[in-house]
Amino acid sequence: MASPSGALVKHIINHPMDFATINFKMPRYANTGAFQIDTIRDYDIPNIEQNQYITVLYEIHLFLRKGLIFLWQASGKGGKSYQITVSNGRDIHDKQILETATWTPDPNRTEKQNQKALERFAMDFEEKVKSGRYLKGEKMTYKEYAALWLSENVEKQMERTSIERCESSLDGIILPAIGHLRLPEIQPLHLTKLYSSLAENGYTQNGEQKPYSARTIKRIHQIISSSLNTAVYWQLIESNPCQRVKPPKVEKQADVKHFTLEQAKAFLGQLETPYTVAHWGRTKKDGSESKKHYEEKEIPLQFKVLFHLAVFGGFRRGELIALTWDDIDFQNHTVTVCKASARTKGGIITKAPKTFSSNRTVTLPASTMGLIRRHKEEQQRYRLSLGTYWKGCNYLFTQDDGRQMDISTP
């Protein structure tokens, strides 16, 4: 049975009385008053091929008067299927609002059983539409929804670094596993199997198979759960299947590794120790090595300052790179942290810290403040020597031209 064109559907809804005198066959589905139009060849409807068939599923007088629900049957590579279309009123522009659903017969059922199942499906679908319980997410795949969630929610609420981590997890792990599923089809078992696969099969690195850690799997679970919570909030689905799934338990993290007092003293002492660099040219024609030249160097003052701040202030790398001279209070021997730098696909960005508690003012030893003062004086002399080549923006730690030091440098 051929599917009716959009023009036929539109004409039936907008001009129902054109079909008021059609001779209908006896009802195929007696319980629902469904009738089949035998032919429309006697009706002059533009752009409609003759001998198209349409099965109307509703009481026939309501169909003719309002076009509330109708159904057509189509055959394709996947076999026979039915598309149910329900009228859901009109929008502000007086255009008909149509909701559709597709039903495919079960090949393991008899024709009579499939007819009854079709009737129930159509009636349930109509009842959902009319009661306002039909959710738009029923036809949306998770991949389609994830793109919408990223653009309308994530990108407006998260930092750029968090967005990129989320996108990476979606593209590399989540979407290949469940992206093809429609939102209502995602069940707790799908997620349980995904987490088990990640723990057992993991990923390949340098030819070696490695399992994902429980912490990574929990992060994957949090991304899926957060996205589906938003889908519930947007009324695309009724519930979040993640609420019925338990991700792997993350073992309590061991104490953060840190220097002992002796190790800190030794490290800071090495910063003051000169080091030797060897230079030599290409290997000679006879195979012998060229003469080596040795040069004694000292660690640049700005790196000494950076590591002193890391040891005595407990600052993170991104916080150190983001420091400007406005954050230094020489009078009170303090450094204020109110921003941090991070790498993104678009380059280094500087942003506010993740949490309010990360904003802090730290008092430092006089020796460290003395180093910072020396570094400022040295930077000012170097800046004057460069003239217009200096491209700096008041950062403590800089590249050769004064721009902010790259986060991967220290």
Protein backbone atom coordinates (compact mmCIF):
# COMPACT_ATOMS: atom_id res chain seq x y z
CA MET A 1 0.00 0.00 0.00
CA ALA A 2 1.57 3.27 -1.07
CA SER A 3 2.13 6.08 1.38
CA PRO A 4 0.03 9.18 0.59
CA SER A 5 1.87 12.29 -0.36
CA GLY A 6 2.06 15.29 1.94
CA ALA A 7 -0.33 17.15 -0.36
CA LEU A 8 -2.99 14.46 0.10
CA VAL A 9 -2.64 14.53 3.87
CA LYS A 10 -2.85 18.33 3.91
CA HIS A 11 -5.89 18.31 1.61
CA ILE A 12 -7.74 15.73 3.71
CA ILE A 13 -7.20 17.77 6.87
CA ASN A 14 -8.05 21.16 5.37
CA HIS A 15 -10.89 19.99 3.10
CA PRO A 16 -12.50 17.02 4.86
CA MET A 17 -15.87 17.50 3.21
CA ASP A 18 -14.35 16.70 -0.20
CA PHE A 19 -14.39 13.10 1.00
CA ALA A 20 -17.80 13.11 2.63
CA THR A 21 -19.41 11.04 -0.13
CA ILE A 22 -16.62 8.47 -0.60
CA ASN A 23 -17.85 4.88 -0.57
CA PHE A 24 -15.87 3.17 2.18
CA LYS A 25 -15.28 -0.55 2.47
CA MET A 26 -16.57 -2.37 5.49
CA PRO A 27 -14.49 -1.66 8.61
CA ARG A 28 -11.33 -3.76 8.83
CA TYR A 29 -11.04 -3.02 12.52
CA ALA A 30 -14.60 -3.17 13.81
CA ASN A 31 -13.74 -2.10 17.34
CA THR A 32 -12.28 1.24 16.28
CA GLY A 33 -14.39 2.16 13.27
CA ALA A 34 -11.38 2.13 10.91
CA PHE A 35 -12.20 2.38 7.20
CA GLN A 36 -10.13 2.17 4.07
CA ILE A 37 -10.53 4.59 1.20
CA ASP A 38 -10.79 2.45 -1.93
CA THR A 39 -9.86 5.11 -4.45
CA ILE A 40 -9.63 8.88 -4.91
CA ARG A 41 -9.68 8.86 -8.71
CA ASP A 42 -12.99 10.72 -8.79
CA TYR A 43 -11.58 13.71 -6.91
CA ASP A 44 -9.63 16.50 -8.53
CA ILE A 45 -6.83 17.15 -6.02
CA PRO A 46 -3.69 18.90 -7.33
CA ASN A 47 -0.39 16.97 -7.32
CA ILE A 48 -1.98 13.74 -6.09
CA GLU A 49 -1.41 10.50 -7.96
CA GLN A 50 -4.47 8.35 -8.44
CA ASN A 51 -5.04 5.04 -6.69
CA GLN A 52 -3.28 6.07 -3.48
CA TYR A 53 -4.68 4.38 -0.42
CA ILE A 54 -5.10 5.68 3.06
CA THR A 55 -6.34 3.87 6.14
CA VAL A 56 -8.25 6.09 8.52
CA LEU A 57 -8.14 5.05 12.17
CA TYR A 58 -10.88 6.81 14.10
CA GLU A 59 -14.65 7.17 14.04
CA ILE A 60 -15.33 8.24 10.50
CA HIS A 61 -17.47 11.26 11.28
CA LEU A 62 -14.74 12.72 13.52
CA PHE A 63 -12.20 12.16 10.80
CA LEU A 64 -14.35 13.90 8.20
CA ARG A 65 -15.12 16.77 10.53
CA LYS A 66 -11.72 17.35 12.16
CA GLY A 67 -9.13 14.98 10.70
CA LEU A 68 -8.07 13.99 14.19
CA ILE A 69 -6.19 10.77 13.50
CA PHE A 70 -5.31 8.77 10.42
CA LEU A 71 -2.86 6.07 9.48
CA TRP A 72 -1.16 4.87 6.33
CA GLN A 73 0.67 1.71 5.46
CA ALA A 74 3.96 1.58 3.55
CA SER A 75 6.31 -1.15 2.36
CA GLY A 76 10.06 -0.84 2.20
CA LYS A 77 13.30 -2.74 2.68
CA GLY A 78 12.47 -3.30 6.33
CA GLY A 79 9.05 -4.72 5.48
CA LYS A 80 5.58 -3.33 6.06
CA SER A 81 5.10 -0.53 8.60
CA TYR A 82 2.40 1.94 9.62
CA GLN A 83 2.65 5.63 10.29
CA ILE A 84 0.08 7.12 12.62
CA THR A 85 -0.56 10.86 12.39
CA VAL A 86 -2.55 12.70 15.04
CA SER A 87 -3.80 16.25 14.78
CA ASN A 88 -2.86 18.23 17.88
CA GLY A 89 -4.76 21.45 17.24
CA ARG A 90 -3.41 24.53 15.50
CA ASP A 91 -0.55 26.88 16.21
CA ILE A 92 -0.69 30.66 16.52
CA HIS A 93 -0.53 30.92 12.72
CA ASP A 94 -3.58 28.63 12.39
CA LYS A 95 -1.45 25.85 10.92
CA GLN A 96 -2.30 22.25 11.75
CA ILE A 97 0.01 20.69 14.36
CA LEU A 98 0.70 17.06 13.44
CA GLU A 99 2.40 14.43 15.57
CA THR A 100 3.51 11.16 13.97
CA ALA A 101 4.62 7.73 15.15
CA THR A 102 5.67 4.59 13.28
CA TRP A 103 4.61 1.06 14.15
CA THR A 104 6.08 -2.10 12.62
CA PRO A 105 4.25 -5.46 12.80
CA ASP A 106 5.87 -8.31 14.71
CA PRO A 107 6.68 -11.09 12.22
CA ASN A 108 6.25 -13.66 14.98
CA ARG A 109 2.61 -12.68 15.53
CA THR A 110 -0.43 -13.60 13.48
CA GLU A 111 -2.14 -10.99 11.33
CA LYS A 112 -5.00 -10.73 13.79
CA GLN A 113 -2.61 -10.24 16.73
CA ASN A 114 -0.75 -7.52 14.82
CA GLN A 115 -4.05 -5.79 13.97
CA LYS A 116 -4.96 -5.64 17.65
CA ALA A 117 -1.46 -4.45 18.57
CA LEU A 118 -1.73 -1.72 15.92
CA GLU A 119 -5.09 -0.60 17.31
CA ARG A 120 -3.68 -0.39 20.85
CA PHE A 121 -0.58 1.47 19.67
CA ALA A 122 -2.63 3.99 17.67
CA MET A 123 -5.09 4.58 20.51
CA ASP A 124 -2.27 4.93 23.08
CA PHE A 125 -0.42 7.35 20.81
CA GLU A 126 -3.53 9.47 20.30
CA GLU A 127 -4.24 9.50 24.03
CA LYS A 128 -0.64 10.63 24.75
CA VAL A 129 -0.90 13.45 22.22
CA LYS A 130 -4.30 14.64 23.42
CA SER A 131 -3.34 14.48 27.10
CA GLY A 132 -0.05 16.30 26.57
CA ARG A 133 2.04 13.28 27.57
CA TYR A 134 3.60 12.79 24.13
CA LEU A 135 7.26 13.73 24.44
CA LYS A 136 9.25 15.07 21.50
CA GLY A 137 12.26 12.99 22.52
CA GLU A 138 10.52 9.76 21.56
CA LYS A 139 11.83 10.10 17.97
CA MET A 140 15.17 11.77 18.77
CA THR A 141 18.37 9.72 18.90
CA TYR A 142 20.86 10.31 21.70
CA LYS A 143 23.38 11.58 19.13
CA GLU A 144 20.89 14.19 17.89
CA TYR A 145 19.99 15.13 21.45
CA ALA A 146 23.65 15.37 22.56
CA ALA A 147 24.31 18.04 19.92
CA LEU A 148 21.29 20.00 21.18
CA TRP A 149 22.33 19.56 24.82
CA LEU A 150 25.86 20.80 24.11
CA SER A 151 24.72 23.91 22.25
CA GLU A 152 21.77 24.89 24.45
CA ASN A 153 23.02 23.85 27.88
CA VAL A 154 26.67 22.89 28.23
CA GLU A 155 28.19 25.74 26.22
CA LYS A 156 26.14 28.27 28.17
CA GLN A 157 26.96 26.96 31.64
CA MET A 158 30.41 25.33 31.60
CA GLU A 159 33.94 26.59 31.17
CA ARG A 160 35.66 25.99 27.83
CA THR A 161 37.98 23.33 29.28
CA SER A 162 35.05 21.41 30.76
CA ILE A 163 33.14 21.66 27.47
CA GLU A 164 36.04 20.18 25.54
CA ARG A 165 36.46 17.30 28.01
CA CYS A 166 32.73 16.62 27.70
CA GLU A 167 32.88 16.69 23.89
CA SER A 168 35.87 14.36 23.91
CA SER A 169 34.08 11.81 26.11
CA LEU A 170 30.95 12.01 23.97
CA ASP A 171 32.74 11.61 20.64
CA GLY A 172 35.23 8.98 21.76
CA ILE A 173 33.21 6.78 24.12
CA ILE A 174 29.53 7.60 24.62
CA LEU A 175 28.11 8.24 21.14
CA PRO A 176 29.70 5.16 19.51
CA ALA A 177 27.95 3.06 22.16
CA ILE A 178 24.48 4.62 22.54
CA GLY A 179 24.30 7.46 20.00
CA HIS A 180 22.06 5.43 17.66
CA LEU A 181 19.42 4.77 20.33
CA ARG A 182 16.32 6.93 20.62
CA LEU A 183 16.06 8.63 24.01
CA PRO A 184 13.23 6.43 25.37
CA GLU A 185 15.12 3.31 24.22
CA ILE A 186 18.09 3.93 26.52
CA GLN A 187 17.69 1.47 29.36
CA PRO A 188 19.76 0.81 32.52
CA LEU A 189 21.06 -2.40 30.94
CA HIS A 190 22.56 -0.46 28.00
CA LEU A 191 24.54 1.69 30.41
CA THR A 192 25.55 -1.23 32.62
CA LYS A 193 26.94 -3.06 29.58
CA LEU A 194 28.77 0.08 28.46
CA TYR A 195 30.48 0.51 31.83
CA SER A 196 31.42 -3.18 31.94
CA SER A 197 32.91 -2.96 28.45
CA LEU A 198 34.95 0.10 29.40
CA ALA A 199 36.29 -1.68 32.48
CA GLU A 200 37.07 -4.95 30.67
CA ASN A 201 38.08 -3.91 27.14
CA GLY A 202 39.29 -0.38 27.79
CA TYR A 203 41.41 1.31 25.14
CA THR A 204 44.62 0.72 23.20
CA GLN A 205 47.72 2.79 23.91
CA ASN A 206 50.99 2.11 22.09
CA GLY A 207 49.69 -1.30 21.08
CA GLU A 208 48.80 -2.22 24.65
CA GLN A 209 45.26 -2.84 25.87
CA LYS A 210 44.42 -0.89 29.02
CA PRO A 211 41.16 -0.77 31.02
CA TYR A 212 39.47 2.51 31.85
CA SER A 213 39.75 3.44 35.50
CA ALA A 214 36.73 3.50 37.79
CA ARG A 215 37.19 7.27 38.04
CA THR A 216 36.97 7.68 34.24
CA ILE A 217 33.90 5.44 34.02
CA LYS A 218 32.23 7.45 36.78
CA ARG A 219 32.91 10.64 34.80
CA ILE A 220 31.31 9.03 31.73
CA HIS A 221 28.31 8.13 33.87
CA GLN A 222 28.07 11.70 35.17
CA ILE A 223 28.06 13.12 31.63
CA ILE A 224 25.30 10.75 30.48
CA SER A 225 23.29 11.34 33.64
CA SER A 226 23.62 15.11 33.41
CA SER A 227 22.51 15.09 29.77
CA LEU A 228 19.48 12.89 30.47
CA ASN A 229 18.52 14.92 33.54
CA THR A 230 18.27 17.90 31.21
CA ALA A 231 16.19 15.80 28.79
CA VAL A 232 13.74 15.11 31.64
CA TYR A 233 13.71 18.81 32.53
CA TRP A 234 12.98 19.66 28.89
CA GLN A 235 10.18 17.06 28.91
CA LEU A 236 11.77 14.97 26.19
CA ILE A 237 11.70 11.80 28.31
CA GLU A 238 9.82 10.85 31.46
CA SER A 239 12.72 9.56 33.58
CA ASN A 240 16.50 9.23 33.66
CA PRO A 241 17.71 5.61 33.34
CA CYS A 242 21.03 6.58 34.98
CA GLN A 243 19.20 6.77 38.29
CA ARG A 244 18.83 2.98 38.13
CA VAL A 245 22.50 2.28 37.32
CA LYS A 246 25.44 2.08 39.71
CA PRO A 247 28.79 2.99 38.15
CA PRO A 248 31.97 1.32 39.48
CA LYS A 249 32.95 2.39 42.96
CA VAL A 250 35.90 4.77 43.01
CA GLU A 251 38.45 3.83 45.62
CA LYS A 252 39.44 6.54 48.02
CA GLN A 253 42.37 8.42 46.58
CA ALA A 254 45.64 8.10 48.40
CA ASP A 255 47.16 11.17 50.02
CA VAL A 256 48.49 13.66 47.49
CA LYS A 257 52.21 13.23 46.97
CA HIS A 258 54.23 16.14 48.28
CA PHE A 259 57.75 17.04 49.26
CA THR A 260 58.98 16.32 52.73
CA LEU A 261 60.79 19.19 54.47
CA GLU A 262 64.16 17.69 53.49
CA GLN A 263 63.08 17.19 49.87
CA ALA A 264 61.81 20.77 49.63
CA LYS A 265 65.13 22.11 50.96
CA ALA A 266 67.08 19.97 48.49
CA PHE A 267 64.88 21.04 45.57
CA LEU A 268 65.16 24.75 46.34
CA GLY A 269 68.90 24.32 46.84
CA GLN A 270 69.26 22.82 43.37
CA LEU A 271 67.58 25.90 41.88
CA GLU A 272 70.62 27.91 43.00
CA THR A 273 73.14 25.41 41.64
CA PRO A 274 74.67 26.17 38.23
CA TYR A 275 74.46 23.43 35.58
CA THR A 276 76.62 22.58 32.59
CA VAL A 277 75.46 22.27 28.99
CA ALA A 278 77.58 20.52 26.33
CA HIS A 279 77.65 21.72 22.71
CA TRP A 280 79.27 19.97 19.75
CA GLY A 281 79.02 20.03 16.01
CA ARG A 282 78.41 17.32 13.43
CA THR A 283 80.40 14.09 13.32
CA LYS A 284 83.52 14.45 11.19
CA LYS A 285 83.98 12.68 7.83
CA ASP A 286 86.33 10.16 9.40
CA GLY A 287 83.60 9.24 11.92
CA SER A 288 85.16 10.95 14.90
CA GLU A 289 83.19 13.37 17.04
CA SER A 290 83.75 17.10 16.78
CA LYS A 291 85.16 18.94 19.73
CA LYS A 292 82.72 19.56 22.57
CA HIS A 293 82.23 22.91 24.17
CA TYR A 294 80.90 23.26 27.69
CA GLU A 295 78.86 26.16 28.98
CA GLU A 296 77.90 26.82 32.57
CA LYS A 297 74.39 28.22 33.08
CA GLU A 298 72.07 29.25 35.88
CA ILE A 299 68.35 28.67 36.13
CA PRO A 300 66.57 31.90 35.04
CA LEU A 301 65.30 34.00 37.90
CA GLN A 302 61.64 33.80 36.79
CA PHE A 303 61.74 29.98 37.11
CA LYS A 304 63.23 30.26 40.58
CA VAL A 305 60.34 32.57 41.51
CA LEU A 306 57.79 30.21 39.97
CA PHE A 307 59.01 27.18 41.92
CA HIS A 308 59.34 29.14 45.18
CA LEU A 309 55.69 30.20 44.79
CA ALA A 310 54.68 26.62 44.08
CA VAL A 311 56.47 25.33 47.20
CA PHE A 312 55.60 28.08 49.69
CA GLY A 313 52.21 29.11 48.30
CA GLY A 314 50.80 25.79 47.12
CA PHE A 315 49.70 27.36 43.86
CA ARG A 316 48.61 25.26 40.90
CA ARG A 317 50.40 25.58 37.57
CA GLY A 318 47.45 27.32 35.90
CA GLU A 319 47.22 29.78 38.80
CA LEU A 320 50.94 30.60 38.58
CA ILE A 321 50.85 31.21 34.83
CA ALA A 322 47.86 33.54 35.26
CA LEU A 323 49.50 35.76 37.92
CA THR A 324 49.99 39.43 37.06
CA TRP A 325 51.90 42.09 38.94
CA ASP A 326 48.60 43.47 40.20
CA ASP A 327 48.22 40.27 42.27
CA ILE A 328 51.45 40.97 44.22
CA ASP A 329 51.31 43.02 47.42
CA PHE A 330 54.91 43.74 48.43
CA GLN A 331 53.86 45.77 51.46
CA ASN A 332 51.87 42.95 53.07
CA HIS A 333 53.95 40.08 51.61
CA THR A 334 50.89 38.49 49.94
CA VAL A 335 49.88 37.03 46.60
CA THR A 336 46.20 37.00 45.59
CA VAL A 337 44.83 34.20 43.39
CA CYS A 338 41.69 35.19 41.49
CA LYS A 339 42.15 33.47 38.10
CA ALA A 340 43.75 30.50 36.40
CA SER A 341 44.96 29.68 32.90
CA ALA A 342 44.21 26.52 30.94
CA ARG A 343 44.83 25.14 27.47
CA THR A 344 41.92 24.74 25.05
CA LYS A 345 41.68 23.89 21.35
CA GLY A 346 41.69 27.61 20.65
CA GLY A 347 44.79 28.28 22.74
CA ILE A 348 45.52 29.37 26.33
CA ILE A 349 42.62 31.01 28.16
CA THR A 350 42.55 32.73 31.55
CA LYS A 351 39.39 32.41 33.62
CA ALA A 352 38.04 32.58 37.15
CA PRO A 353 38.81 29.56 39.38
CA LYS A 354 36.34 26.67 39.41
CA THR A 355 35.18 27.28 42.98
CA PHE A 356 34.79 30.33 45.19
CA SER A 357 37.20 28.83 47.74
CA SER A 358 39.96 28.84 45.09
CA ASN A 359 39.99 32.64 45.34
CA ARG A 360 42.46 33.30 48.12
CA THR A 361 45.24 35.54 49.39
CA VAL A 362 48.40 33.80 50.60
CA THR A 363 51.10 35.27 52.84
CA LEU A 364 54.64 34.34 51.75
CA PRO A 365 58.07 34.35 53.42
CA ALA A 366 60.21 37.48 53.12
CA SER A 367 62.83 35.51 51.16
CA THR A 368 60.26 34.59 48.48
CA MET A 369 58.97 38.16 48.28
CA GLY A 370 62.58 39.31 47.84
CA LEU A 371 62.98 36.96 44.87
CA ILE A 372 59.75 38.30 43.35
CA ARG A 373 60.99 41.89 43.74
CA ARG A 374 64.29 41.01 42.02
CA HIS A 375 62.35 39.33 39.22
CA LYS A 376 60.21 42.44 38.70
CA GLU A 377 63.27 44.68 38.45
CA GLU A 378 64.95 42.27 36.01
CA GLN A 379 61.79 42.04 33.87
CA GLN A 380 61.52 45.83 33.71
CA ARG A 381 65.13 46.16 32.50
CA TYR A 382 64.59 43.43 29.91
CA ARG A 383 61.36 45.07 28.74
CA LEU A 384 63.12 48.39 28.16
CA SER A 385 65.85 46.63 26.20
CA LEU A 386 63.29 45.07 23.82
CA GLY A 387 61.41 48.28 23.10
CA THR A 388 58.50 47.76 20.70
CA TYR A 389 59.26 44.04 20.43
CA TRP A 390 57.76 43.59 23.92
CA LYS A 391 54.23 42.17 23.60
CA GLY A 392 53.54 41.65 27.29
CA CYS A 393 50.38 42.22 29.33
CA ASN A 394 51.74 42.59 32.89
CA TYR A 395 52.24 38.85 33.51
CA LEU A 396 54.75 37.64 36.12
CA PHE A 397 55.92 34.77 33.96
CA THR A 398 56.54 35.48 30.31
CA GLN A 399 57.96 34.26 27.04
CA ASP A 400 60.91 36.00 25.39
CA ASP A 401 58.67 38.69 23.87
CA GLY A 402 56.73 39.38 27.06
CA ARG A 403 53.64 37.35 26.23
CA GLN A 404 52.18 35.05 28.87
CA MET A 405 54.30 31.95 29.51
CA ASP A 406 52.83 28.81 27.93
CA ILE A 407 51.23 26.49 30.47
CA SER A 408 53.38 23.59 29.29
CA THR A 409 56.68 25.46 29.85
CA PRO A 410 57.26 25.01 33.59
